[in-house]
Amino acid sequence: MNPEYMLSKDDIKQINEKYGGTLRSDAEIETALFMGKGRSLYRKIAYLWRAVLVGRPFTDGNKRTALAFAEVLFESSGFKLNPDEEKRLIEAVIKISKDNLREINRIEGLIRHAVKKD
């Protein structure tokens, strides 16, 4: 496990398996984990979301996987998400995936707006 993230590539893969997907390529996930080292929680999630929502490394369940591991990371960091925050996170996941957003600052901004805990 990567203590920097509180979850590993294998943890993300296991989350995805719950949604019926299989890993096609782990390169973008590995890169996202590396790029997020030493960054804020929001930036870490942004890198991982870009890897999963735009890179689509799994055969199925990419959006559900992204939402699930973000919730794990927030909870592991002491954030208790309320229903409105969860709804806004879902909307952010859909927007990033649909619009193929690649800009990390924009993705991080959507996450910060959804959770609103600074």
PDB file of N, CA and C in Angstrom:
ATOM      1  N   MET A   1       0.835  -1.181   0.000  1.00  0.00           N
ATOM      2  CA  MET A   1       0.000   0.000   0.000  1.00  0.00           C
ATOM      3  C   MET A   1       0.876   1.239   0.000  1.00  0.00           C
ATOM      4  N   ASN A   2       0.438   2.251  -0.686  1.00  0.00           N
ATOM      5  CA  ASN A   2       1.143   3.518  -0.737  1.00  0.00           C
ATOM      6  C   ASN A   2       0.603   4.405   0.388  1.00  0.00           C
ATOM      7  N   PRO A   3       1.371   4.593   1.497  1.00  0.00           N
ATOM      8  CA  PRO A   3       0.847   5.365   2.623  1.00  0.00           C
ATOM      9  C   PRO A   3       0.541   6.812   2.247  1.00  0.00           C
ATOM     10  N   GLU A   4       1.177   7.294   1.213  1.00  0.00           N
ATOM     11  CA  GLU A   4       0.911   8.645   0.737  1.00  0.00           C
ATOM     12  C   GLU A   4      -0.540   8.778   0.290  1.00  0.00           C
ATOM     13  N   TYR A   5      -1.103   7.731  -0.255  1.00  0.00           N
ATOM     14  CA  TYR A   5      -2.464   7.752  -0.776  1.00  0.00           C
ATOM     15  C   TYR A   5      -3.465   7.030   0.108  1.00  0.00           C
ATOM     16  N   MET A   6      -3.019   6.137   0.941  1.00  0.00           N
ATOM     17  CA  MET A   6      -3.882   5.293   1.740  1.00  0.00           C
ATOM     18  C   MET A   6      -4.615   4.259   0.882  1.00  0.00           C
ATOM     19  N   LEU A   7      -4.204   4.128  -0.368  1.00  0.00           N
ATOM     20  CA  LEU A   7      -4.645   3.040  -1.219  1.00  0.00           C
ATOM     21  C   LEU A   7      -3.632   2.878  -2.341  1.00  0.00           C
ATOM     22  N   SER A   8      -3.612   1.704  -2.905  1.00  0.00           N
ATOM     23  CA  SER A   8      -2.618   1.370  -3.923  1.00  0.00           C
ATOM     24  C   SER A   8      -3.297   1.104  -5.267  1.00  0.00           C
ATOM     25  N   LYS A   9      -2.474   0.861  -6.263  1.00  0.00           N
ATOM     26  CA  LYS A   9      -2.995   0.484  -7.578  1.00  0.00           C
ATOM     27  C   LYS A   9      -3.834  -0.787  -7.450  1.00  0.00           C
ATOM     28  N   ASP A  10      -3.368  -1.729  -6.631  1.00  0.00           N
ATOM     29  CA  ASP A  10      -4.126  -2.965  -6.438  1.00  0.00           C
ATOM     30  C   ASP A  10      -5.466  -2.699  -5.750  1.00  0.00           C
ATOM     31  N   ASP A  11      -5.491  -1.750  -4.810  1.00  0.00           N
ATOM     32  CA  ASP A  11      -6.754  -1.384  -4.162  1.00  0.00           C
ATOM     33  C   ASP A  11      -7.731  -0.816  -5.192  1.00  0.00           C
ATOM     34  N   ILE A  12      -7.226   0.040  -6.068  1.00  0.00           N
ATOM     35  CA  ILE A  12      -8.075   0.626  -7.108  1.00  0.00           C
ATOM     36  C   ILE A  12      -8.585  -0.472  -8.037  1.00  0.00           C
ATOM     37  N   LYS A  13      -7.720  -1.399  -8.372  1.00  0.00           N
ATOM     38  CA  LYS A  13      -8.105  -2.529  -9.222  1.00  0.00           C
ATOM     39  C   LYS A  13      -9.195  -3.360  -8.539  1.00  0.00           C
ATOM     40  N   GLN A  14      -9.059  -3.600  -7.244  1.00  0.00           N
ATOM     41  CA  GLN A  14     -10.062  -4.379  -6.507  1.00  0.00           C
ATOM     42  C   GLN A  14     -11.405  -3.651  -6.446  1.00  0.00           C
ATOM     43  N   ILE A  15     -11.358  -2.327  -6.286  1.00  0.00           N
ATOM     44  CA  ILE A  15     -12.600  -1.550  -6.313  1.00  0.00           C
ATOM     45  C   ILE A  15     -13.276  -1.734  -7.661  1.00  0.00           C
ATOM     46  N   ASN A  16     -12.505  -1.644  -8.737  1.00  0.00           N
ATOM     47  CA  ASN A  16     -13.073  -1.786 -10.073  1.00  0.00           C
ATOM     48  C   ASN A  16     -13.654  -3.176 -10.299  1.00  0.00           C
ATOM     49  N   GLU A  17     -13.019  -4.188  -9.774  1.00  0.00           N
ATOM     50  CA  GLU A  17     -13.518  -5.554  -9.957  1.00  0.00           C
ATOM     51  C   GLU A  17     -14.925  -5.712  -9.407  1.00  0.00           C
ATOM     52  N   LYS A  18     -15.289  -4.941  -8.389  1.00  0.00           N
ATOM     53  CA  LYS A  18     -16.651  -4.971  -7.833  1.00  0.00           C
ATOM     54  C   LYS A  18     -17.675  -4.511  -8.857  1.00  0.00           C
ATOM     55  N   TYR A  19     -17.220  -3.726  -9.838  1.00  0.00           N
ATOM     56  CA  TYR A  19     -18.118  -3.200 -10.863  1.00  0.00           C
ATOM     57  C   TYR A  19     -18.013  -3.977 -12.170  1.00  0.00           C
ATOM     58  N   GLY A  20     -17.336  -5.093 -12.156  1.00  0.00           N
ATOM     59  CA  GLY A  20     -17.282  -5.973 -13.311  1.00  0.00           C
ATOM     60  C   GLY A  20     -16.216  -5.645 -14.331  1.00  0.00           C
ATOM     61  N   GLY A  21     -15.318  -4.750 -14.014  1.00  0.00           N
ATOM     62  CA  GLY A  21     -14.272  -4.390 -14.963  1.00  0.00           C
ATOM     63  C   GLY A  21     -12.999  -5.185 -14.748  1.00  0.00           C
ATOM     64  N   THR A  22     -12.129  -5.095 -15.728  1.00  0.00           N
ATOM     65  CA  THR A  22     -10.793  -5.662 -15.612  1.00  0.00           C
ATOM     66  C   THR A  22      -9.804  -4.618 -16.109  1.00  0.00           C
ATOM     67  N   LEU A  23      -8.608  -4.686 -15.600  1.00  0.00           N
ATOM     68  CA  LEU A  23      -7.584  -3.713 -15.947  1.00  0.00           C
ATOM     69  C   LEU A  23      -7.010  -4.018 -17.328  1.00  0.00           C
ATOM     70  N   ARG A  24      -7.027  -2.997 -18.198  1.00  0.00           N
ATOM     71  CA  ARG A  24      -6.420  -3.128 -19.524  1.00  0.00           C
ATOM     72  C   ARG A  24      -4.974  -2.661 -19.490  1.00  0.00           C
ATOM     73  N   SER A  25      -4.753  -1.541 -18.782  1.00  0.00           N
ATOM     74  CA  SER A  25      -3.418  -0.951 -18.709  1.00  0.00           C
ATOM     75  C   SER A  25      -3.291  -0.164 -17.414  1.00  0.00           C
ATOM     76  N   ASP A  26      -2.177  -0.347 -16.729  1.00  0.00           N
ATOM     77  CA  ASP A  26      -2.002   0.346 -15.454  1.00  0.00           C
ATOM     78  C   ASP A  26      -1.053   1.534 -15.543  1.00  0.00           C
ATOM     79  N   ALA A  27      -0.557   1.846 -16.723  1.00  0.00           N
ATOM     80  CA  ALA A  27       0.446   2.905 -16.870  1.00  0.00           C
ATOM     81  C   ALA A  27      -0.064   4.253 -16.366  1.00  0.00           C
ATOM     82  N   GLU A  28      -1.278   4.636 -16.724  1.00  0.00           N
ATOM     83  CA  GLU A  28      -1.788   5.940 -16.301  1.00  0.00           C
ATOM     84  C   GLU A  28      -2.036   5.988 -14.799  1.00  0.00           C
ATOM     85  N   ILE A  29      -2.453   4.884 -14.218  1.00  0.00           N
ATOM     86  CA  ILE A  29      -2.656   4.846 -12.768  1.00  0.00           C
ATOM     87  C   ILE A  29      -1.313   4.983 -12.061  1.00  0.00           C
ATOM     88  N   GLU A  30      -0.309   4.274 -12.540  1.00  0.00           N
ATOM     89  CA  GLU A  30       1.035   4.378 -11.956  1.00  0.00           C
ATOM     90  C   GLU A  30       1.549   5.823 -12.046  1.00  0.00           C
ATOM     91  N   THR A  31       1.358   6.446 -13.186  1.00  0.00           N
ATOM     92  CA  THR A  31       1.799   7.821 -13.372  1.00  0.00           C
ATOM     93  C   THR A  31       1.052   8.754 -12.421  1.00  0.00           C
ATOM     94  N   ALA A  32      -0.257   8.561 -12.296  1.00  0.00           N
ATOM     95  CA  ALA A  32      -1.064   9.403 -11.407  1.00  0.00           C
ATOM     96  C   ALA A  32      -0.612   9.268  -9.956  1.00  0.00           C
ATOM     97  N   LEU A  33      -0.332   8.056  -9.521  1.00  0.00           N
ATOM     98  CA  LEU A  33       0.150   7.846  -8.155  1.00  0.00           C
ATOM     99  C   LEU A  33       1.481   8.555  -7.939  1.00  0.00           C
ATOM    100  N   PHE A  34       2.357   8.478  -8.935  1.00  0.00           N
ATOM    101  CA  PHE A  34       3.655   9.150  -8.842  1.00  0.00           C
ATOM    102  C   PHE A  34       3.492  10.675  -8.826  1.00  0.00           C
ATOM    103  N   MET A  35       2.680  11.203  -9.743  1.00  0.00           N
ATOM    104  CA  MET A  35       2.502  12.655  -9.857  1.00  0.00           C
ATOM    105  C   MET A  35       1.851  13.263  -8.612  1.00  0.00           C
ATOM    106  N   GLY A  36       1.035  12.489  -7.923  1.00  0.00           N
ATOM    107  CA  GLY A  36       0.335  13.003  -6.754  1.00  0.00           C
ATOM    108  C   GLY A  36       1.135  13.000  -5.465  1.00  0.00           C
ATOM    109  N   LYS A  37       2.303  12.378  -5.476  1.00  0.00           N
ATOM    110  CA  LYS A  37       3.109  12.316  -4.254  1.00  0.00           C
ATOM    111  C   LYS A  37       3.423  13.709  -3.736  1.00  0.00           C
ATOM    112  N   GLY A  38       3.184  13.909  -2.437  1.00  0.00           N
ATOM    113  CA  GLY A  38       3.488  15.183  -1.810  1.00  0.00           C
ATOM    114  C   GLY A  38       2.492  16.288  -2.113  1.00  0.00           C
ATOM    115  N   ARG A  39       1.435  15.979  -2.807  1.00  0.00           N
ATOM    116  CA  ARG A  39       0.424  16.973  -3.190  1.00  0.00           C
ATOM    117  C   ARG A  39      -0.754  16.938  -2.216  1.00  0.00           C
ATOM    118  N   SER A  40      -1.636  17.911  -2.352  1.00  0.00           N
ATOM    119  CA  SER A  40      -2.846  17.943  -1.525  1.00  0.00           C
ATOM    120  C   SER A  40      -3.745  16.767  -1.890  1.00  0.00           C
ATOM    121  N   LEU A  41      -4.662  16.464  -1.005  1.00  0.00           N
ATOM    122  CA  LEU A  41      -5.613  15.388  -1.254  1.00  0.00           C
ATOM    123  C   LEU A  41      -6.394  15.646  -2.543  1.00  0.00           C
ATOM    124  N   TYR A  42      -6.807  16.893  -2.752  1.00  0.00           N
ATOM    125  CA  TYR A  42      -7.564  17.229  -3.951  1.00  0.00           C
ATOM    126  C   TYR A  42      -6.741  16.976  -5.216  1.00  0.00           C
ATOM    127  N   ARG A  43      -5.471  17.340  -5.191  1.00  0.00           N
ATOM    128  CA  ARG A  43      -4.604  17.150  -6.354  1.00  0.00           C
ATOM    129  C   ARG A  43      -4.367  15.668  -6.595  1.00  0.00           C
ATOM    130  N   LYS A  44      -4.184  14.897  -5.527  1.00  0.00           N
ATOM    131  CA  LYS A  44      -4.000  13.449  -5.667  1.00  0.00           C
ATOM    132  C   LYS A  44      -5.199  12.826  -6.371  1.00  0.00           C
ATOM    133  N   ILE A  45      -6.394  13.191  -5.898  1.00  0.00           N
ATOM    134  CA  ILE A  45      -7.611  12.655  -6.516  1.00  0.00           C
ATOM    135  C   ILE A  45      -7.726  13.131  -7.953  1.00  0.00           C
ATOM    136  N   ALA A  46      -7.362  14.373  -8.213  1.00  0.00           N
ATOM    137  CA  ALA A  46      -7.432  14.904  -9.586  1.00  0.00           C
ATOM    138  C   ALA A  46      -6.564  14.086 -10.541  1.00  0.00           C
ATOM    139  N   TYR A  47      -5.343  13.783 -10.130  1.00  0.00           N
ATOM    140  CA  TYR A  47      -4.476  12.967 -10.990  1.00  0.00           C
ATOM    141  C   TYR A  47      -5.075  11.583 -11.225  1.00  0.00           C
ATOM    142  N   LEU A  48      -5.586  10.988 -10.174  1.00  0.00           N
ATOM    143  CA  LEU A  48      -6.179   9.655 -10.322  1.00  0.00           C
ATOM    144  C   LEU A  48      -7.457   9.700 -11.152  1.00  0.00           C
ATOM    145  N   TRP A  49      -8.263  10.726 -10.948  1.00  0.00           N
ATOM    146  CA  TRP A  49      -9.484  10.843 -11.753  1.00  0.00           C
ATOM    147  C   TRP A  49      -9.152  11.000 -13.226  1.00  0.00           C
ATOM    148  N   ARG A  50      -8.168  11.826 -13.533  1.00  0.00           N
ATOM    149  CA  ARG A  50      -7.802  11.971 -14.949  1.00  0.00           C
ATOM    150  C   ARG A  50      -7.364  10.627 -15.516  1.00  0.00           C
ATOM    151  N   ALA A  51      -6.567   9.890 -14.753  1.00  0.00           N
ATOM    152  CA  ALA A  51      -6.087   8.588 -15.224  1.00  0.00           C
ATOM    153  C   ALA A  51      -7.240   7.626 -15.490  1.00  0.00           C
ATOM    154  N   VAL A  52      -8.237   7.625 -14.610  1.00  0.00           N
ATOM    155  CA  VAL A  52      -9.327   6.655 -14.718  1.00  0.00           C
ATOM    156  C   VAL A  52     -10.467   7.158 -15.598  1.00  0.00           C
ATOM    157  N   LEU A  53     -10.823   8.432 -15.480  1.00  0.00           N
ATOM    158  CA  LEU A  53     -11.979   8.943 -16.222  1.00  0.00           C
ATOM    159  C   LEU A  53     -11.671   9.301 -17.666  1.00  0.00           C
ATOM    160  N   VAL A  54     -10.434   9.710 -17.935  1.00  0.00           N
ATOM    161  CA  VAL A  54     -10.048  10.068 -19.302  1.00  0.00           C
ATOM    162  C   VAL A  54      -9.254   8.925 -19.941  1.00  0.00           C
ATOM    163  N   GLY A  55      -8.353   8.333 -19.166  1.00  0.00           N
ATOM    164  CA  GLY A  55      -7.540   7.233 -19.682  1.00  0.00           C
ATOM    165  C   GLY A  55      -8.299   5.924 -19.816  1.00  0.00           C
ATOM    166  N   ARG A  56      -9.367   5.778 -19.038  1.00  0.00           N
ATOM    167  CA  ARG A  56     -10.232   4.581 -19.053  1.00  0.00           C
ATOM    168  C   ARG A  56      -9.420   3.274 -19.062  1.00  0.00           C
ATOM    169  N   PRO A  57      -8.667   3.038 -17.991  1.00  0.00           N
ATOM    170  CA  PRO A  57      -7.827   1.843 -17.959  1.00  0.00           C
ATOM    171  C   PRO A  57      -8.591   0.538 -17.717  1.00  0.00           C
ATOM    172  N   PHE A  58      -9.857   0.649 -17.327  1.00  0.00           N
ATOM    173  CA  PHE A  58     -10.641  -0.551 -17.042  1.00  0.00           C
ATOM    174  C   PHE A  58     -11.652  -0.803 -18.154  1.00  0.00           C
ATOM    175  N   THR A  59     -12.017  -2.050 -18.333  1.00  0.00           N
ATOM    176  CA  THR A  59     -12.962  -2.410 -19.382  1.00  0.00           C
ATOM    177  C   THR A  59     -14.370  -1.923 -19.069  1.00  0.00           C
ATOM    178  N   ASP A  60     -14.682  -1.718 -17.778  1.00  0.00           N
ATOM    179  CA  ASP A  60     -16.001  -1.268 -17.365  1.00  0.00           C
ATOM    180  C   ASP A  60     -15.880  -0.656 -15.975  1.00  0.00           C
ATOM    181  N   GLY A  61     -16.806   0.221 -15.632  1.00  0.00           N
ATOM    182  CA  GLY A  61     -16.883   0.750 -14.281  1.00  0.00           C
ATOM    183  C   GLY A  61     -15.889   1.846 -13.940  1.00  0.00           C
ATOM    184  N   ASN A  62     -15.348   2.539 -14.927  1.00  0.00           N
ATOM    185  CA  ASN A  62     -14.362   3.583 -14.647  1.00  0.00           C
ATOM    186  C   ASN A  62     -14.933   4.708 -13.785  1.00  0.00           C
ATOM    187  N   LYS A  63     -16.134   5.187 -14.106  1.00  0.00           N
ATOM    188  CA  LYS A  63     -16.725   6.287 -13.335  1.00  0.00           C
ATOM    189  C   LYS A  63     -17.064   5.837 -11.914  1.00  0.00           C
ATOM    190  N   ARG A  64     -17.648   4.668 -11.788  1.00  0.00           N
ATOM    191  CA  ARG A  64     -17.990   4.158 -10.450  1.00  0.00           C
ATOM    192  C   ARG A  64     -16.737   3.922  -9.620  1.00  0.00           C
ATOM    193  N   THR A  65     -15.693   3.438 -10.265  1.00  0.00           N
ATOM    194  CA  THR A  65     -14.419   3.212  -9.571  1.00  0.00           C
ATOM    195  C   THR A  65     -13.829   4.531  -9.088  1.00  0.00           C
ATOM    196  N   ALA A  66     -13.839   5.547  -9.948  1.00  0.00           N
ATOM    197  CA  ALA A  66     -13.289   6.862  -9.591  1.00  0.00           C
ATOM    198  C   ALA A  66     -14.029   7.453  -8.394  1.00  0.00           C
ATOM    199  N   LEU A  67     -15.338   7.359  -8.408  1.00  0.00           N
ATOM    200  CA  LEU A  67     -16.124   7.885  -7.301  1.00  0.00           C
ATOM    201  C   LEU A  67     -15.833   7.106  -6.020  1.00  0.00           C
ATOM    202  N   ALA A  68     -15.777   5.793  -6.132  1.00  0.00           N
ATOM    203  CA  ALA A  68     -15.555   4.952  -4.949  1.00  0.00           C
ATOM    204  C   ALA A  68     -14.191   5.212  -4.318  1.00  0.00           C
ATOM    205  N   PHE A  69     -13.118   5.281  -5.112  1.00  0.00           N
ATOM    206  CA  PHE A  69     -11.813   5.487  -4.479  1.00  0.00           C
ATOM    207  C   PHE A  69     -11.668   6.910  -3.965  1.00  0.00           C
ATOM    208  N   ALA A  70     -12.355   7.885  -4.577  1.00  0.00           N
ATOM    209  CA  ALA A  70     -12.320   9.248  -4.034  1.00  0.00           C
ATOM    210  C   ALA A  70     -12.975   9.272  -2.655  1.00  0.00           C
ATOM    211  N   GLU A  71     -14.088   8.588  -2.524  1.00  0.00           N
ATOM    212  CA  GLU A  71     -14.756   8.520  -1.225  1.00  0.00           C
ATOM    213  C   GLU A  71     -13.865   7.852  -0.186  1.00  0.00           C
ATOM    214  N   VAL A  72     -13.169   6.795  -0.579  1.00  0.00           N
ATOM    215  CA  VAL A  72     -12.240   6.121   0.338  1.00  0.00           C
ATOM    216  C   VAL A  72     -11.143   7.092   0.775  1.00  0.00           C
ATOM    217  N   LEU A  73     -10.575   7.829  -0.174  1.00  0.00           N
ATOM    218  CA  LEU A  73      -9.503   8.767   0.157  1.00  0.00           C
ATOM    219  C   LEU A  73     -10.000   9.891   1.061  1.00  0.00           C
ATOM    220  N   PHE A  74     -11.182  10.419   0.779  1.00  0.00           N
ATOM    221  CA  PHE A  74     -11.716  11.468   1.647  1.00  0.00           C
ATOM    222  C   PHE A  74     -11.955  10.936   3.056  1.00  0.00           C
ATOM    223  N   GLU A  75     -12.591   9.788   3.153  1.00  0.00           N
ATOM    224  CA  GLU A  75     -12.884   9.212   4.467  1.00  0.00           C
ATOM    225  C   GLU A  75     -11.607   8.864   5.225  1.00  0.00           C
ATOM    226  N   SER A  76     -10.610   8.345   4.520  1.00  0.00           N
ATOM    227  CA  SER A  76      -9.330   8.012   5.158  1.00  0.00           C
ATOM    228  C   SER A  76      -8.617   9.257   5.676  1.00  0.00           C
ATOM    229  N   SER A  77      -8.956  10.398   5.088  1.00  0.00           N
ATOM    230  CA  SER A  77      -8.343  11.659   5.500  1.00  0.00           C
ATOM    231  C   SER A  77      -9.193  12.413   6.520  1.00  0.00           C
ATOM    232  N   GLY A  78     -10.265  11.781   6.982  1.00  0.00           N
ATOM    233  CA  GLY A  78     -11.092  12.380   8.019  1.00  0.00           C
ATOM    234  C   GLY A  78     -12.253  13.219   7.529  1.00  0.00           C
ATOM    235  N   PHE A  79     -12.534  13.208   6.229  1.00  0.00           N
ATOM    236  CA  PHE A  79     -13.663  13.950   5.685  1.00  0.00           C
ATOM    237  C   PHE A  79     -14.906  13.076   5.726  1.00  0.00           C
ATOM    238  N   LYS A  80     -15.969  13.599   6.265  1.00  0.00           N
ATOM    239  CA  LYS A  80     -17.261  12.916   6.231  1.00  0.00           C
ATOM    240  C   LYS A  80     -18.093  13.623   5.177  1.00  0.00           C
ATOM    241  N   LEU A  81     -18.311  12.964   4.060  1.00  0.00           N
ATOM    242  CA  LEU A  81     -19.049  13.571   2.955  1.00  0.00           C
ATOM    243  C   LEU A  81     -20.544  13.526   3.232  1.00  0.00           C
ATOM    244  N   ASN A  82     -21.206  14.662   3.012  1.00  0.00           N
ATOM    245  CA  ASN A  82     -22.662  14.680   3.169  1.00  0.00           C
ATOM    246  C   ASN A  82     -23.307  14.363   1.816  1.00  0.00           C
ATOM    247  N   PRO A  83     -24.620  14.115   1.784  1.00  0.00           N
ATOM    248  CA  PRO A  83     -25.281  13.742   0.515  1.00  0.00           C
ATOM    249  C   PRO A  83     -25.121  14.777  -0.596  1.00  0.00           C
ATOM    250  N   ASP A  84     -25.124  16.071  -0.253  1.00  0.00           N
ATOM    251  CA  ASP A  84     -24.938  17.091  -1.293  1.00  0.00           C
ATOM    252  C   ASP A  84     -23.542  17.013  -1.897  1.00  0.00           C
ATOM    253  N   GLU A  85     -22.537  16.786  -1.066  1.00  0.00           N
ATOM    254  CA  GLU A  85     -21.165  16.658  -1.564  1.00  0.00           C
ATOM    255  C   GLU A  85     -21.030  15.420  -2.448  1.00  0.00           C
ATOM    256  N   GLU A  86     -21.646  14.329  -2.032  1.00  0.00           N
ATOM    257  CA  GLU A  86     -21.602  13.109  -2.848  1.00  0.00           C
ATOM    258  C   GLU A  86     -22.265  13.342  -4.203  1.00  0.00           C
ATOM    259  N   LYS A  87     -23.385  14.063  -4.198  1.00  0.00           N
ATOM    260  CA  LYS A  87     -24.077  14.364  -5.460  1.00  0.00           C
ATOM    261  C   LYS A  87     -23.190  15.216  -6.364  1.00  0.00           C
ATOM    262  N   ARG A  88     -22.534  16.224  -5.797  1.00  0.00           N
ATOM    263  CA  ARG A  88     -21.655  17.083  -6.609  1.00  0.00           C
ATOM    264  C   ARG A  88     -20.437  16.310  -7.115  1.00  0.00           C
ATOM    265  N   LEU A  89     -19.937  15.357  -6.323  1.00  0.00           N
ATOM    266  CA  LEU A  89     -18.829  14.517  -6.800  1.00  0.00           C
ATOM    267  C   LEU A  89     -19.272  13.675  -7.991  1.00  0.00           C
ATOM    268  N   ILE A  90     -20.473  13.135  -7.916  1.00  0.00           N
ATOM    269  CA  ILE A  90     -21.004  12.347  -9.036  1.00  0.00           C
ATOM    270  C   ILE A  90     -21.093  13.225 -10.286  1.00  0.00           C
ATOM    271  N   GLU A  91     -21.601  14.442 -10.126  1.00  0.00           N
ATOM    272  CA  GLU A  91     -21.707  15.365 -11.257  1.00  0.00           C
ATOM    273  C   GLU A  91     -20.326  15.682 -11.834  1.00  0.00           C
ATOM    274  N   ALA A  92     -19.332  15.839 -10.958  1.00  0.00           N
ATOM    275  CA  ALA A  92     -17.968  16.124 -11.421  1.00  0.00           C
ATOM    276  C   ALA A  92     -17.402  14.942 -12.199  1.00  0.00           C
ATOM    277  N   VAL A  93     -17.619  13.734 -11.698  1.00  0.00           N
ATOM    278  CA  VAL A  93     -17.142  12.523 -12.374  1.00  0.00           C
ATOM    279  C   VAL A  93     -17.735  12.460 -13.786  1.00  0.00           C
ATOM    280  N   ILE A  94     -19.028  12.694 -13.888  1.00  0.00           N
ATOM    281  CA  ILE A  94     -19.704  12.624 -15.189  1.00  0.00           C
ATOM    282  C   ILE A  94     -19.161  13.694 -16.132  1.00  0.00           C
ATOM    283  N   LYS A  95     -18.988  14.913 -15.623  1.00  0.00           N
ATOM    284  CA  LYS A  95     -18.482  16.010 -16.463  1.00  0.00           C
ATOM    285  C   LYS A  95     -17.072  15.713 -16.975  1.00  0.00           C
ATOM    286  N   ILE A  96     -16.201  15.270 -16.095  1.00  0.00           N
ATOM    287  CA  ILE A  96     -14.814  14.989 -16.488  1.00  0.00           C
ATOM    288  C   ILE A  96     -14.785  13.898 -17.554  1.00  0.00           C
ATOM    289  N   SER A  97     -15.558  12.851 -17.335  1.00  0.00           N
ATOM    290  CA  SER A  97     -15.588  11.739 -18.282  1.00  0.00           C
ATOM    291  C   SER A  97     -16.209  12.161 -19.616  1.00  0.00           C
ATOM    292  N   LYS A  98     -17.337  12.811 -19.548  1.00  0.00           N
ATOM    293  CA  LYS A  98     -18.060  13.210 -20.761  1.00  0.00           C
ATOM    294  C   LYS A  98     -17.259  14.198 -21.601  1.00  0.00           C
ATOM    295  N   ASP A  99     -16.656  15.188 -20.912  1.00  0.00           N
ATOM    296  CA  ASP A  99     -15.928  16.236 -21.622  1.00  0.00           C
ATOM    297  C   ASP A  99     -14.455  15.900 -21.862  1.00  0.00           C
ATOM    298  N   ASN A 100     -14.023  14.722 -21.406  1.00  0.00           N
ATOM    299  CA  ASN A 100     -12.623  14.306 -21.537  1.00  0.00           C
ATOM    300  C   ASN A 100     -11.669  15.377 -21.008  1.00  0.00           C
ATOM    301  N   LEU A 101     -11.973  15.911 -19.833  1.00  0.00           N
ATOM    302  CA  LEU A 101     -11.146  16.965 -19.254  1.00  0.00           C
ATOM    303  C   LEU A 101      -9.789  16.409 -18.861  1.00  0.00           C
ATOM    304  N   ARG A 102      -8.739  17.067 -19.312  1.00  0.00           N
ATOM    305  CA  ARG A 102      -7.382  16.619 -19.011  1.00  0.00           C
ATOM    306  C   ARG A 102      -6.625  17.600 -18.118  1.00  0.00           C
ATOM    307  N   GLU A 103      -7.126  18.823 -17.985  1.00  0.00           N
ATOM    308  CA  GLU A 103      -6.422  19.848 -17.224  1.00  0.00           C
ATOM    309  C   GLU A 103      -6.562  19.584 -15.727  1.00  0.00           C
ATOM    310  N   ILE A 104      -5.450  19.290 -15.087  1.00  0.00           N
ATOM    311  CA  ILE A 104      -5.452  18.944 -13.661  1.00  0.00           C
ATOM    312  C   ILE A 104      -6.043  20.067 -12.817  1.00  0.00           C
ATOM    313  N   ASN A 105      -5.708  21.315 -13.099  1.00  0.00           N
ATOM    314  CA  ASN A 105      -6.253  22.418 -12.303  1.00  0.00           C
ATOM    315  C   ASN A 105      -7.772  22.470 -12.384  1.00  0.00           C
ATOM    316  N   ARG A 106      -8.305  22.210 -13.543  1.00  0.00           N
ATOM    317  CA  ARG A 106      -9.768  22.223 -13.722  1.00  0.00           C
ATOM    318  C   ARG A 106     -10.406  21.056 -12.978  1.00  0.00           C
ATOM    319  N   ILE A 107      -9.797  19.873 -13.075  1.00  0.00           N
ATOM    320  CA  ILE A 107     -10.325  18.702 -12.374  1.00  0.00           C
ATOM    321  C   ILE A 107     -10.269  18.936 -10.865  1.00  0.00           C
ATOM    322  N   GLU A 108      -9.143  19.450 -10.392  1.00  0.00           N
ATOM    323  CA  GLU A 108      -9.018  19.733  -8.963  1.00  0.00           C
ATOM    324  C   GLU A 108     -10.061  20.766  -8.527  1.00  0.00           C
ATOM    325  N   GLY A 109     -10.306  21.761  -9.341  1.00  0.00           N
ATOM    326  CA  GLY A 109     -11.313  22.770  -9.021  1.00  0.00           C
ATOM    327  C   GLY A 109     -12.700  22.169  -8.886  1.00  0.00           C
ATOM    328  N   LEU A 110     -13.030  21.244  -9.757  1.00  0.00           N
ATOM    329  CA  LEU A 110     -14.331  20.572  -9.669  1.00  0.00           C
ATOM    330  C   LEU A 110     -14.442  19.772  -8.372  1.00  0.00           C
ATOM    331  N   ILE A 111     -13.357  19.129  -7.992  1.00  0.00           N
ATOM    332  CA  ILE A 111     -13.362  18.349  -6.740  1.00  0.00           C
ATOM    333  C   ILE A 111     -13.516  19.284  -5.542  1.00  0.00           C
ATOM    334  N   ARG A 112     -12.747  20.364  -5.533  1.00  0.00           N
ATOM    335  CA  ARG A 112     -12.834  21.330  -4.426  1.00  0.00           C
ATOM    336  C   ARG A 112     -14.241  21.927  -4.333  1.00  0.00           C
ATOM    337  N   HIS A 113     -14.824  22.256  -5.470  1.00  0.00           N
ATOM    338  CA  HIS A 113     -16.180  22.811  -5.477  1.00  0.00           C
ATOM    339  C   HIS A 113     -17.180  21.790  -4.931  1.00  0.00           C
ATOM    340  N   ALA A 114     -16.999  20.550  -5.303  1.00  0.00           N
ATOM    341  CA  ALA A 114     -17.929  19.503  -4.866  1.00  0.00           C
ATOM    342  C   ALA A 114     -17.887  19.294  -3.357  1.00  0.00           C
ATOM    343  N   VAL A 115     -16.691  19.324  -2.795  1.00  0.00           N
ATOM    344  CA  VAL A 115     -16.531  18.990  -1.379  1.00  0.00           C
ATOM    345  C   VAL A 115     -16.538  20.229  -0.496  1.00  0.00           C
ATOM    346  N   LYS A 116     -15.986  21.323  -0.992  1.00  0.00           N
ATOM    347  CA  LYS A 116     -15.979  22.600  -0.270  1.00  0.00           C
ATOM    348  C   LYS A 116     -15.450  22.497   1.162  1.00  0.00           C
ATOM    349  N   LYS A 117     -14.304  21.865   1.321  1.00  0.00           N
ATOM    350  CA  LYS A 117     -13.663  21.773   2.634  1.00  0.00           C
ATOM    351  C   LYS A 117     -12.218  22.212   2.474  1.00  0.00           C
ATOM    352  N   ASP A 118     -11.897  23.413   2.807  1.00  0.00           N
ATOM    353  CA  ASP A 118     -10.519  23.905   2.690  1.00  0.00           C
ATOM    354  C   ASP A 118      -9.976  24.236   4.052  1.00  0.00           C
TER     355      ASP A 118
END
